[in-house]
Amino acid sequence: MRYVWTSLRMLLVTAAIFGIVYPLAMTGISQVVFHDRANGSLVMVNGQVVGSRLIGQTFTGAKYFQPRPSAAGDGYDAMDSSFSNLGPTNVKLAQRVQASVRQEMAANPGIRFGQVPIDMVTTSASGLDPDITVANAHAQAARVARSRGMSLQTILALVSKYTTGRQFGFLGEQHVNVLELNLALDAAQGAKGP
């Protein structure tokens, strides 16, 4: 019986430390050190949450830059974050990418076959990627400029302004956060936002 009580006391102590004390300590530290990220990196416009810098979302209309395609549920569903699980030799993946290439070429006149950026037609591993490559943004710029009645130079200047460099200077590609870029476009035209 002595071993049972020792085991129960140890269970209660470890449960209290790792189930209550440790999570509260980590939450407190993250709120102090990484307050914005700990709270979801939410983007506010006029006191309303319009999205997060960390999670992609769907934008409707030709006047907005479009994010990468999403395989997460019904599109950017954080509760169903996943990838398509189709390998490079899978016929379904090849067909889906070919259909996406045709769709992007039709939606973005001026892009020719072989010029479609890969992130424009493939999903990310999480299905929630909020960023696109600079090449993807440039491929969409003419459509957005025409739809908004703005000059291509103005659109490209905004893309350049919202371009983030490679992580640590050498990892990944330069990228653009789609939500922030679309909000900047709306602000430039005095619109309320997506």
N, C-alpha and C. Protein backbone atom coordinates (compact mmCIF):
# COMPACT_ATOMS: atom_id res chain seq x y z
N MET A 1 0.83 -1.20 0.00
CA MET A 1 0.00 0.00 0.00
C MET A 1 0.88 1.27 0.00
N ARG A 2 2.04 1.16 0.62
CA ARG A 2 2.95 2.29 0.67
C ARG A 2 3.34 2.73 -0.75
N TYR A 3 3.54 1.79 -1.67
CA TYR A 3 3.93 2.10 -3.04
C TYR A 3 2.78 2.77 -3.81
N VAL A 4 1.58 2.36 -3.51
CA VAL A 4 0.42 2.97 -4.15
C VAL A 4 0.33 4.44 -3.79
N TRP A 5 0.45 4.78 -2.49
CA TRP A 5 0.38 6.17 -2.06
C TRP A 5 1.54 6.99 -2.61
N THR A 6 2.71 6.40 -2.69
CA THR A 6 3.87 7.09 -3.27
C THR A 6 3.61 7.39 -4.74
N SER A 7 3.08 6.41 -5.45
CA SER A 7 2.77 6.59 -6.87
C SER A 7 1.70 7.66 -7.07
N LEU A 8 0.67 7.67 -6.25
CA LEU A 8 -0.38 8.68 -6.36
C LEU A 8 0.15 10.08 -6.08
N ARG A 9 1.00 10.21 -5.05
CA ARG A 9 1.60 11.52 -4.75
C ARG A 9 2.46 11.99 -5.92
N MET A 10 3.25 11.09 -6.48
CA MET A 10 4.09 11.44 -7.62
C MET A 10 3.24 11.84 -8.83
N LEU A 11 2.14 11.14 -9.04
CA LEU A 11 1.23 11.48 -10.12
C LEU A 11 0.67 12.89 -9.93
N LEU A 12 0.23 13.22 -8.73
CA LEU A 12 -0.33 14.54 -8.46
C LEU A 12 0.72 15.64 -8.61
N VAL A 13 1.93 15.39 -8.13
CA VAL A 13 3.00 16.39 -8.24
C VAL A 13 3.36 16.63 -9.70
N THR A 14 3.58 15.57 -10.46
CA THR A 14 3.96 15.75 -11.87
C THR A 14 2.80 16.34 -12.69
N ALA A 15 1.58 15.95 -12.37
CA ALA A 15 0.43 16.52 -13.08
C ALA A 15 0.33 18.02 -12.80
N ALA A 16 0.56 18.42 -11.55
CA ALA A 16 0.51 19.84 -11.21
C ALA A 16 1.63 20.62 -11.88
N ILE A 17 2.83 20.06 -11.88
CA ILE A 17 3.98 20.75 -12.49
C ILE A 17 3.82 20.86 -14.00
N PHE A 18 3.58 19.72 -14.66
CA PHE A 18 3.56 19.71 -16.12
C PHE A 18 2.20 20.02 -16.73
N GLY A 19 1.16 19.95 -15.92
CA GLY A 19 -0.18 20.24 -16.44
C GLY A 19 -0.68 21.62 -16.09
N ILE A 20 -0.09 22.25 -15.05
CA ILE A 20 -0.57 23.57 -14.63
C ILE A 20 0.57 24.59 -14.59
N VAL A 21 1.60 24.33 -13.80
CA VAL A 21 2.68 25.31 -13.61
C VAL A 21 3.43 25.59 -14.91
N TYR A 22 3.90 24.54 -15.59
CA TYR A 22 4.67 24.72 -16.82
C TYR A 22 3.87 25.44 -17.91
N PRO A 23 2.63 25.01 -18.23
CA PRO A 23 1.86 25.74 -19.25
C PRO A 23 1.61 27.20 -18.89
N LEU A 24 1.31 27.48 -17.61
CA LEU A 24 1.10 28.87 -17.21
C LEU A 24 2.38 29.68 -17.34
N ALA A 25 3.52 29.10 -16.99
CA ALA A 25 4.80 29.80 -17.12
C ALA A 25 5.10 30.09 -18.58
N MET A 26 4.90 29.12 -19.47
CA MET A 26 5.16 29.33 -20.90
C MET A 26 4.21 30.36 -21.49
N THR A 27 2.95 30.33 -21.07
CA THR A 27 1.98 31.32 -21.54
C THR A 27 2.38 32.72 -21.09
N GLY A 28 2.78 32.84 -19.84
CA GLY A 28 3.21 34.14 -19.31
C GLY A 28 4.44 34.67 -20.03
N ILE A 29 5.43 33.81 -20.24
CA ILE A 29 6.65 34.24 -20.94
C ILE A 29 6.33 34.64 -22.38
N SER A 30 5.51 33.85 -23.07
CA SER A 30 5.18 34.18 -24.47
C SER A 30 4.39 35.48 -24.56
N GLN A 31 3.52 35.75 -23.59
CA GLN A 31 2.76 37.00 -23.60
C GLN A 31 3.67 38.21 -23.41
N VAL A 32 4.73 38.04 -22.64
CA VAL A 32 5.66 39.15 -22.41
C VAL A 32 6.64 39.30 -23.58
N VAL A 33 7.24 38.20 -24.02
CA VAL A 33 8.30 38.26 -25.01
C VAL A 33 7.77 38.30 -26.45
N PHE A 34 6.73 37.53 -26.75
CA PHE A 34 6.20 37.43 -28.11
C PHE A 34 4.70 37.73 -28.12
N HIS A 35 4.30 38.86 -27.57
CA HIS A 35 2.88 39.15 -27.37
C HIS A 35 2.05 39.02 -28.66
N ASP A 36 2.52 39.63 -29.76
CA ASP A 36 1.75 39.60 -31.01
C ASP A 36 1.60 38.18 -31.53
N ARG A 37 2.70 37.44 -31.58
CA ARG A 37 2.65 36.07 -32.11
C ARG A 37 1.86 35.14 -31.18
N ALA A 38 1.99 35.33 -29.89
CA ALA A 38 1.28 34.47 -28.94
C ALA A 38 -0.23 34.63 -29.05
N ASN A 39 -0.65 35.77 -29.55
CA ASN A 39 -2.09 36.03 -29.71
C ASN A 39 -2.57 35.85 -31.14
N GLY A 40 -1.78 35.16 -31.97
CA GLY A 40 -2.23 34.80 -33.31
C GLY A 40 -1.83 35.75 -34.42
N SER A 41 -1.03 36.78 -34.13
CA SER A 41 -0.62 37.76 -35.14
C SER A 41 -1.83 38.28 -35.91
N LEU A 42 -2.85 38.67 -35.16
CA LEU A 42 -4.10 39.13 -35.77
C LEU A 42 -3.92 40.49 -36.42
N VAL A 43 -4.59 40.69 -37.55
CA VAL A 43 -4.55 41.96 -38.27
C VAL A 43 -5.89 42.65 -38.04
N MET A 44 -5.82 43.87 -37.55
CA MET A 44 -7.03 44.64 -37.25
C MET A 44 -7.17 45.80 -38.25
N VAL A 45 -8.39 46.04 -38.70
CA VAL A 45 -8.71 47.19 -39.53
C VAL A 45 -9.96 47.83 -38.93
N ASN A 46 -9.84 49.08 -38.54
CA ASN A 46 -10.95 49.81 -37.91
C ASN A 46 -11.54 49.06 -36.73
N GLY A 47 -10.68 48.47 -35.92
CA GLY A 47 -11.12 47.76 -34.72
C GLY A 47 -11.69 46.38 -34.96
N GLN A 48 -11.68 45.92 -36.20
CA GLN A 48 -12.20 44.60 -36.54
C GLN A 48 -11.06 43.68 -36.95
N VAL A 49 -11.09 42.43 -36.51
CA VAL A 49 -10.11 41.45 -36.94
C VAL A 49 -10.46 41.02 -38.36
N VAL A 50 -9.50 41.16 -39.28
CA VAL A 50 -9.74 40.77 -40.67
C VAL A 50 -8.93 39.54 -41.07
N GLY A 51 -8.10 39.04 -40.18
CA GLY A 51 -7.31 37.86 -40.49
C GLY A 51 -6.07 37.79 -39.61
N SER A 52 -5.20 36.89 -39.98
CA SER A 52 -3.93 36.70 -39.28
C SER A 52 -2.80 36.73 -40.30
N ARG A 53 -1.65 37.27 -39.87
CA ARG A 53 -0.48 37.26 -40.75
C ARG A 53 0.04 35.85 -40.96
N LEU A 54 -0.39 34.91 -40.14
CA LEU A 54 0.16 33.56 -40.15
C LEU A 54 -0.69 32.53 -40.89
N ILE A 55 -1.93 32.87 -41.22
CA ILE A 55 -2.84 31.91 -41.86
C ILE A 55 -3.43 32.53 -43.12
N GLY A 56 -3.29 31.82 -44.23
CA GLY A 56 -3.85 32.29 -45.49
C GLY A 56 -5.37 32.30 -45.44
N GLN A 57 -5.96 33.04 -46.34
CA GLN A 57 -7.41 33.08 -46.43
C GLN A 57 -7.80 33.34 -47.88
N THR A 58 -9.03 33.03 -48.20
CA THR A 58 -9.54 33.20 -49.55
C THR A 58 -9.90 34.66 -49.80
N PHE A 59 -9.56 35.16 -50.98
CA PHE A 59 -9.96 36.49 -51.41
C PHE A 59 -10.78 36.32 -52.68
N THR A 60 -11.89 37.04 -52.76
CA THR A 60 -12.73 36.93 -53.94
C THR A 60 -12.57 38.18 -54.80
N GLY A 61 -12.63 37.98 -56.08
CA GLY A 61 -12.56 39.10 -57.00
C GLY A 61 -11.18 39.26 -57.62
N ALA A 62 -11.18 39.75 -58.84
CA ALA A 62 -9.94 39.95 -59.59
C ALA A 62 -9.10 41.08 -59.03
N LYS A 63 -9.68 41.93 -58.18
CA LYS A 63 -8.94 43.08 -57.66
C LYS A 63 -8.00 42.70 -56.52
N TYR A 64 -8.04 41.45 -56.09
CA TYR A 64 -7.17 41.00 -55.00
C TYR A 64 -6.12 40.02 -55.48
N PHE A 65 -4.94 40.08 -54.86
CA PHE A 65 -3.94 39.05 -55.06
C PHE A 65 -4.46 37.77 -54.43
N GLN A 66 -4.22 36.66 -55.07
CA GLN A 66 -4.71 35.38 -54.59
C GLN A 66 -3.57 34.60 -53.92
N PRO A 67 -3.85 33.92 -52.83
CA PRO A 67 -2.82 33.11 -52.17
C PRO A 67 -2.60 31.80 -52.91
N ARG A 68 -1.71 31.00 -52.37
CA ARG A 68 -1.51 29.66 -52.92
C ARG A 68 -2.80 28.86 -52.78
N PRO A 69 -3.01 27.88 -53.64
CA PRO A 69 -4.16 26.99 -53.44
C PRO A 69 -4.05 26.28 -52.09
N SER A 70 -5.16 25.93 -51.51
CA SER A 70 -5.16 25.28 -50.21
C SER A 70 -5.80 23.90 -50.28
N ALA A 71 -5.17 22.94 -49.61
CA ALA A 71 -5.74 21.60 -49.49
C ALA A 71 -6.35 21.40 -48.11
N ALA A 72 -6.44 22.46 -47.34
CA ALA A 72 -6.94 22.38 -45.96
C ALA A 72 -8.45 22.52 -45.95
N GLY A 73 -9.13 21.41 -45.89
CA GLY A 73 -10.58 21.42 -45.80
C GLY A 73 -11.21 22.15 -46.96
N ASP A 74 -12.08 23.10 -46.65
CA ASP A 74 -12.78 23.87 -47.68
C ASP A 74 -12.00 25.16 -47.98
N GLY A 75 -10.69 25.07 -47.94
CA GLY A 75 -9.84 26.22 -48.22
C GLY A 75 -9.46 26.99 -46.99
N TYR A 76 -8.23 26.87 -46.58
CA TYR A 76 -7.66 27.61 -45.45
C TYR A 76 -8.39 27.35 -44.15
N ASP A 77 -8.88 26.15 -43.96
CA ASP A 77 -9.56 25.76 -42.73
C ASP A 77 -8.50 25.30 -41.73
N ALA A 78 -8.21 26.12 -40.73
CA ALA A 78 -7.17 25.80 -39.75
C ALA A 78 -7.49 24.55 -38.94
N MET A 79 -8.75 24.17 -38.88
CA MET A 79 -9.13 22.95 -38.16
C MET A 79 -8.86 21.71 -38.99
N ASP A 80 -8.55 21.90 -40.28
CA ASP A 80 -8.32 20.77 -41.18
C ASP A 80 -7.02 20.97 -41.96
N SER A 81 -6.01 21.49 -41.27
CA SER A 81 -4.73 21.77 -41.91
C SER A 81 -4.09 20.48 -42.41
N SER A 82 -3.81 20.45 -43.71
CA SER A 82 -3.19 19.26 -44.28
C SER A 82 -2.70 19.54 -45.68
N PHE A 83 -1.99 18.61 -46.20
CA PHE A 83 -1.53 18.69 -47.58
C PHE A 83 -2.31 17.66 -48.38
N SER A 84 -2.12 17.66 -49.70
CA SER A 84 -2.93 16.78 -50.55
C SER A 84 -2.49 15.33 -50.49
N ASN A 85 -1.25 15.07 -50.05
CA ASN A 85 -0.69 13.72 -49.93
C ASN A 85 -0.56 13.02 -51.28
N LEU A 86 -0.46 13.82 -52.36
CA LEU A 86 -0.27 13.26 -53.69
C LEU A 86 1.19 13.44 -54.07
N GLY A 87 1.85 12.34 -54.46
CA GLY A 87 3.26 12.37 -54.82
C GLY A 87 3.48 12.92 -56.22
N PRO A 88 4.73 13.22 -56.56
CA PRO A 88 5.04 13.83 -57.85
C PRO A 88 4.70 12.96 -59.05
N THR A 89 4.55 11.65 -58.86
CA THR A 89 4.21 10.77 -59.98
C THR A 89 2.71 10.45 -60.03
N ASN A 90 1.95 11.03 -59.13
CA ASN A 90 0.51 10.77 -59.07
C ASN A 90 -0.21 11.49 -60.21
N VAL A 91 -1.02 10.76 -60.94
CA VAL A 91 -1.75 11.31 -62.09
C VAL A 91 -2.73 12.39 -61.64
N LYS A 92 -3.38 12.20 -60.50
CA LYS A 92 -4.34 13.19 -60.01
C LYS A 92 -3.66 14.53 -59.74
N LEU A 93 -2.45 14.49 -59.18
CA LEU A 93 -1.71 15.72 -58.92
C LEU A 93 -1.37 16.41 -60.24
N ALA A 94 -0.88 15.65 -61.20
CA ALA A 94 -0.52 16.23 -62.50
C ALA A 94 -1.74 16.86 -63.16
N GLN A 95 -2.89 16.20 -63.10
CA GLN A 95 -4.11 16.74 -63.70
C GLN A 95 -4.56 18.01 -62.98
N ARG A 96 -4.49 18.00 -61.66
CA ARG A 96 -4.89 19.17 -60.89
C ARG A 96 -3.99 20.36 -61.18
N VAL A 97 -2.68 20.12 -61.26
CA VAL A 97 -1.75 21.20 -61.55
C VAL A 97 -1.97 21.72 -62.97
N GLN A 98 -2.17 20.83 -63.93
CA GLN A 98 -2.43 21.27 -65.31
C GLN A 98 -3.70 22.11 -65.38
N ALA A 99 -4.75 21.70 -64.67
CA ALA A 99 -5.99 22.49 -64.65
C ALA A 99 -5.75 23.85 -64.00
N SER A 100 -4.96 23.87 -62.93
CA SER A 100 -4.64 25.13 -62.26
C SER A 100 -3.82 26.05 -63.16
N VAL A 101 -2.89 25.48 -63.92
CA VAL A 101 -2.09 26.28 -64.86
C VAL A 101 -3.00 26.93 -65.89
N ARG A 102 -3.91 26.16 -66.46
CA ARG A 102 -4.85 26.72 -67.45
C ARG A 102 -5.71 27.83 -66.82
N GLN A 103 -6.18 27.58 -65.62
CA GLN A 103 -7.02 28.56 -64.92
C GLN A 103 -6.24 29.85 -64.65
N GLU A 104 -5.00 29.74 -64.19
CA GLU A 104 -4.20 30.93 -63.90
C GLU A 104 -3.83 31.69 -65.17
N MET A 105 -3.58 30.96 -66.25
CA MET A 105 -3.27 31.63 -67.52
C MET A 105 -4.49 32.40 -68.03
N ALA A 106 -5.68 31.85 -67.82
CA ALA A 106 -6.91 32.53 -68.24
C ALA A 106 -7.19 33.74 -67.35
N ALA A 107 -6.94 33.61 -66.04
CA ALA A 107 -7.24 34.69 -65.10
C ALA A 107 -6.20 35.81 -65.16
N ASN A 108 -4.98 35.48 -65.57
CA ASN A 108 -3.89 36.44 -65.59
C ASN A 108 -3.30 36.55 -66.99
N PRO A 109 -3.97 37.29 -67.89
CA PRO A 109 -3.46 37.41 -69.25
C PRO A 109 -2.02 37.94 -69.25
N GLY A 110 -1.27 37.42 -70.16
CA GLY A 110 0.13 37.82 -70.22
C GLY A 110 1.05 36.72 -69.73
N ILE A 111 0.51 35.82 -68.89
CA ILE A 111 1.31 34.68 -68.45
C ILE A 111 1.19 33.59 -69.51
N ARG A 112 2.32 33.10 -69.93
CA ARG A 112 2.32 32.03 -70.93
C ARG A 112 2.69 30.70 -70.28
N PHE A 113 2.39 29.65 -70.99
CA PHE A 113 2.73 28.31 -70.50
C PHE A 113 4.23 28.25 -70.21
N GLY A 114 4.59 27.71 -69.07
CA GLY A 114 5.99 27.64 -68.67
C GLY A 114 6.43 28.83 -67.84
N GLN A 115 5.57 29.84 -67.71
CA GLN A 115 5.90 31.02 -66.91
C GLN A 115 5.10 31.10 -65.61
N VAL A 116 4.23 30.15 -65.39
CA VAL A 116 3.40 30.17 -64.19
C VAL A 116 4.26 29.78 -62.99
N PRO A 117 4.37 30.65 -61.98
CA PRO A 117 5.16 30.30 -60.79
C PRO A 117 4.59 29.06 -60.11
N ILE A 118 5.48 28.21 -59.62
CA ILE A 118 5.06 26.93 -59.04
C ILE A 118 4.13 27.11 -57.84
N ASP A 119 4.35 28.15 -57.04
CA ASP A 119 3.49 28.32 -55.87
C ASP A 119 2.11 28.86 -56.23
N MET A 120 1.91 29.19 -57.49
CA MET A 120 0.60 29.65 -57.95
C MET A 120 -0.34 28.47 -58.20
N VAL A 121 0.23 27.27 -58.40
CA VAL A 121 -0.58 26.12 -58.77
C VAL A 121 -0.40 24.90 -57.86
N THR A 122 0.45 25.03 -56.83
CA THR A 122 0.65 23.92 -55.90
C THR A 122 0.31 24.36 -54.48
N THR A 123 -0.17 23.43 -53.69
CA THR A 123 -0.52 23.74 -52.31
C THR A 123 0.71 23.64 -51.42
N SER A 124 0.65 24.31 -50.29
CA SER A 124 1.74 24.22 -49.32
C SER A 124 1.52 22.99 -48.43
N ALA A 125 2.51 22.67 -47.62
CA ALA A 125 2.41 21.49 -46.76
C ALA A 125 1.29 21.62 -45.74
N SER A 126 1.06 22.81 -45.22
CA SER A 126 0.00 22.99 -44.23
C SER A 126 -1.34 23.30 -44.86
N GLY A 127 -1.32 23.84 -46.07
CA GLY A 127 -2.55 24.29 -46.71
C GLY A 127 -2.99 25.65 -46.20
N LEU A 128 -2.17 26.29 -45.34
CA LEU A 128 -2.54 27.56 -44.73
C LEU A 128 -1.54 28.67 -45.00
N ASP A 129 -0.67 28.49 -45.98
CA ASP A 129 0.41 29.43 -46.24
C ASP A 129 -0.13 30.82 -46.54
N PRO A 130 0.27 31.84 -45.75
CA PRO A 130 -0.23 33.20 -45.98
C PRO A 130 0.58 33.98 -47.01
N ASP A 131 1.69 33.42 -47.47
CA ASP A 131 2.61 34.15 -48.33
C ASP A 131 2.66 33.56 -49.74
N ILE A 132 3.05 34.41 -50.69
CA ILE A 132 3.34 33.97 -52.05
C ILE A 132 4.72 34.50 -52.41
N THR A 133 5.34 33.88 -53.40
CA THR A 133 6.63 34.37 -53.86
C THR A 133 6.46 35.68 -54.61
N VAL A 134 7.55 36.40 -54.74
CA VAL A 134 7.52 37.64 -55.50
C VAL A 134 7.14 37.36 -56.96
N ALA A 135 7.62 36.25 -57.50
CA ALA A 135 7.27 35.88 -58.88
C ALA A 135 5.76 35.68 -59.02
N ASN A 136 5.14 35.07 -58.04
CA ASN A 136 3.69 34.88 -58.04
C ASN A 136 2.97 36.23 -58.00
N ALA A 137 3.44 37.13 -57.14
CA ALA A 137 2.83 38.46 -57.04
C ALA A 137 2.99 39.21 -58.36
N HIS A 138 4.16 39.13 -58.98
CA HIS A 138 4.38 39.81 -60.27
C HIS A 138 3.47 39.22 -61.35
N ALA A 139 3.24 37.92 -61.31
CA ALA A 139 2.37 37.28 -62.30
C ALA A 139 0.92 37.75 -62.17
N GLN A 140 0.50 38.14 -60.98
CA GLN A 140 -0.87 38.60 -60.75
C GLN A 140 -1.03 40.12 -60.87
N ALA A 141 0.08 40.83 -60.90
CA ALA A 141 0.05 42.30 -60.82
C ALA A 141 -0.75 42.95 -61.94
N ALA A 142 -0.60 42.48 -63.17
CA ALA A 142 -1.32 43.10 -64.29
C ALA A 142 -2.83 42.95 -64.13
N ARG A 143 -3.29 41.77 -63.69
CA ARG A 143 -4.73 41.55 -63.46
C ARG A 143 -5.25 42.49 -62.38
N VAL A 144 -4.51 42.59 -61.27
CA VAL A 144 -4.94 43.45 -60.16
C VAL A 144 -4.96 44.91 -60.60
N ALA A 145 -3.93 45.34 -61.32
CA ALA A 145 -3.87 46.74 -61.79
C ALA A 145 -5.05 47.06 -62.70
N ARG A 146 -5.33 46.18 -63.65
CA ARG A 146 -6.43 46.39 -64.59
C ARG A 146 -7.77 46.42 -63.84
N SER A 147 -7.96 45.49 -62.91
CA SER A 147 -9.22 45.40 -62.18
C SER A 147 -9.47 46.62 -61.29
N ARG A 148 -8.40 47.17 -60.73
CA ARG A 148 -8.53 48.32 -59.83
C ARG A 148 -8.41 49.66 -60.55
N GLY A 149 -8.03 49.63 -61.82
CA GLY A 149 -7.84 50.88 -62.54
C GLY A 149 -6.60 51.63 -62.06
N MET A 150 -5.61 50.90 -61.59
CA MET A 150 -4.36 51.49 -61.11
C MET A 150 -3.25 51.16 -62.10
N SER A 151 -2.17 51.90 -62.04
CA SER A 151 -1.06 51.62 -62.94
C SER A 151 -0.29 50.39 -62.46
N LEU A 152 0.29 49.68 -63.41
CA LEU A 152 1.09 48.50 -63.07
C LEU A 152 2.28 48.89 -62.20
N GLN A 153 2.85 50.05 -62.45
CA GLN A 153 3.99 50.51 -61.64
C GLN A 153 3.60 50.71 -60.18
N THR A 154 2.41 51.23 -59.94
CA THR A 154 1.92 51.43 -58.57
C THR A 154 1.76 50.09 -57.87
N ILE A 155 1.18 49.13 -58.57
CA ILE A 155 0.99 47.79 -57.99
C ILE A 155 2.33 47.15 -57.69
N LEU A 156 3.26 47.22 -58.63
CA LEU A 156 4.59 46.61 -58.42
C LEU A 156 5.35 47.31 -57.29
N ALA A 157 5.14 48.61 -57.13
CA ALA A 157 5.77 49.33 -56.02
C ALA A 157 5.24 48.83 -54.68
N LEU A 158 3.93 48.57 -54.60
CA LEU A 158 3.36 48.02 -53.37
C LEU A 158 3.87 46.60 -53.11
N VAL A 159 3.99 45.81 -54.17
CA VAL A 159 4.54 44.46 -54.01
C VAL A 159 5.95 44.56 -53.45
N SER A 160 6.74 45.46 -54.00
CA SER A 160 8.12 45.64 -53.52
C SER A 160 8.14 46.10 -52.07
N LYS A 161 7.26 47.01 -51.72
CA LYS A 161 7.20 47.53 -50.34
C LYS A 161 6.86 46.43 -49.33
N TYR A 162 6.00 45.50 -49.73
CA TYR A 162 5.56 44.45 -48.81
C TYR A 162 6.32 43.13 -48.99
N THR A 163 7.43 43.18 -49.71
CA THR A 163 8.26 41.99 -49.89
C THR A 163 9.14 41.79 -48.67
N THR A 164 9.16 40.56 -48.18
CA THR A 164 10.00 40.18 -47.04
C THR A 164 11.13 39.33 -47.57
N GLY A 165 12.33 39.58 -47.07
CA GLY A 165 13.50 38.84 -47.53
C GLY A 165 13.53 37.40 -47.04
N ARG A 166 14.55 36.71 -47.47
CA ARG A 166 14.74 35.32 -47.05
C ARG A 166 14.98 35.25 -45.55
N GLN A 167 14.53 34.18 -44.93
CA GLN A 167 14.74 34.01 -43.49
C GLN A 167 16.23 33.83 -43.23
N PHE A 168 16.74 34.58 -42.28
CA PHE A 168 18.16 34.58 -41.92
C PHE A 168 19.05 34.97 -43.10
N GLY A 169 18.47 35.54 -44.14
CA GLY A 169 19.23 35.99 -45.29
C GLY A 169 19.52 34.93 -46.34
N PHE A 170 19.21 33.65 -46.05
CA PHE A 170 19.54 32.62 -47.03
C PHE A 170 18.53 31.49 -47.13
N LEU A 171 17.57 31.40 -46.25
CA LEU A 171 16.58 30.31 -46.29
C LEU A 171 15.33 30.75 -47.03
N GLY A 172 14.85 29.90 -47.91
CA GLY A 172 13.60 30.16 -48.62
C GLY A 172 13.72 31.21 -49.69
N GLU A 173 12.59 31.74 -50.09
CA GLU A 173 12.50 32.75 -51.14
C GLU A 173 11.99 34.06 -50.54
N GLN A 174 12.23 35.14 -51.25
CA GLN A 174 11.57 36.38 -50.87
C GLN A 174 10.07 36.15 -51.06
N HIS A 175 9.28 36.71 -50.17
CA HIS A 175 7.84 36.46 -50.23
C HIS A 175 7.04 37.69 -49.84
N VAL A 176 5.75 37.61 -50.14
CA VAL A 176 4.82 38.70 -49.87
C VAL A 176 3.64 38.12 -49.10
N ASN A 177 3.27 38.78 -48.00
CA ASN A 177 2.09 38.36 -47.25
C ASN A 177 0.86 38.87 -47.99
N VAL A 178 0.01 37.96 -48.43
CA VAL A 178 -1.13 38.30 -49.28
C VAL A 178 -2.13 39.21 -48.56
N LEU A 179 -2.43 38.94 -47.31
CA LEU A 179 -3.39 39.76 -46.56
C LEU A 179 -2.88 41.19 -46.44
N GLU A 180 -1.63 41.36 -46.03
CA GLU A 180 -1.08 42.70 -45.87
C GLU A 180 -1.05 43.46 -47.19
N LEU A 181 -0.69 42.78 -48.27
CA LEU A 181 -0.65 43.43 -49.59
C LEU A 181 -2.05 43.85 -50.03
N ASN A 182 -3.03 42.97 -49.85
CA ASN A 182 -4.40 43.31 -50.25
C ASN A 182 -4.96 44.45 -49.40
N LEU A 183 -4.63 44.48 -48.12
CA LEU A 183 -5.08 45.58 -47.27
C LEU A 183 -4.43 46.89 -47.70
N ALA A 184 -3.15 46.84 -48.09
CA ALA A 184 -2.47 48.04 -48.58
C ALA A 184 -3.11 48.54 -49.87
N LEU A 185 -3.51 47.63 -50.73
CA LEU A 185 -4.20 48.02 -51.98
C LEU A 185 -5.52 48.71 -51.66
N ASP A 186 -6.29 48.12 -50.74
CA ASP A 186 -7.56 48.74 -50.36
C ASP A 186 -7.33 50.12 -49.73
N ALA A 187 -6.31 50.23 -48.88
CA ALA A 187 -6.02 51.52 -48.25
C ALA A 187 -5.61 52.55 -49.29
N ALA A 188 -4.86 52.13 -50.30
CA ALA A 188 -4.43 53.06 -51.36
C ALA A 188 -5.61 53.60 -52.14
N GLN A 189 -6.70 52.83 -52.19
CA GLN A 189 -7.90 53.27 -52.91
C GLN A 189 -9.01 53.74 -51.98
N GLY A 190 -8.73 53.76 -50.69
CA GLY A 190 -9.74 54.22 -49.73
C GLY A 190 -10.85 53.25 -49.47
N ALA A 191 -10.63 51.96 -49.80
CA ALA A 191 -11.67 50.94 -49.57
C ALA A 191 -11.55 50.43 -48.14
N LYS A 192 -12.58 49.72 -47.67
CA LYS A 192 -12.63 49.24 -46.30
C LYS A 192 -11.83 47.98 -46.06
N GLY A 193 -11.61 47.14 -47.04
CA GLY A 193 -10.84 45.91 -46.84
C GLY A 193 -11.64 44.69 -47.20
N PRO A 194 -10.90 43.55 -47.32
CA PRO A 194 -11.54 42.30 -47.77
C PRO A 194 -12.53 41.75 -46.79
